[in-house]
Each structure stands twice: as structure tokens, then as C-alpha cells.
């Protein structure tokens, strides 16, 4: 069986790889850990367990938001379709450049 001496460069490389593995492991752990956000307190997430996604609730929420957007667009369309009353307060001079 052959024995090999490890150099300081190879030790540094091994330490760097171990540190990288620890960092990646912590990142995975942080990814799996549930966080508390403002959306977690919404009624749709209160009905289901943490981390489980219910597509029906998501679609219902999306439909409600789209209805709100449509109402806002209809109000804007109504305002823009009415005749505009424009009054010029300060007329710039008609100098040619």
C-alpha cells in the first residue's frame, strides 16, 4: 500500500470543498424551512397545512384579482371615453428654432 503526503495546497482545497458543502447544506435547509410572511396569514393559506399548495384556492384568488383589475380598467375607459375639457393656462411663444 502506497502512502502519499498531503501538501498544504491539497489541504486547503479539501477545506474549501468541505466549507462549500456546509454552505450548500445550510442553503438547502433554509429552503425547506417554512417562513412566515404576510401572505401566509391570508385566509386561503389558513385553510391548508403549511407548504401544501391548493391550485383551486390559487385560481380563486387569481380570478378575484383579475376582476378587480377589470373594474379599474372599466373605470379608466369610462373616464377616457368622456369628452375632455382642456384649458390652456400658459401658451408658449411661437418662436421658430
Foldseek 3Di string as FASTA:
>chain_A
DDDDDDDPVVVVVVVVVVVVVVVVVVVVVVVPDDDDDPVCPDPVNVVDDPPDDDVVVVVVVVVVVVVVVVVVVVVVVVVVVDDDDDDDDDDDDPDDD
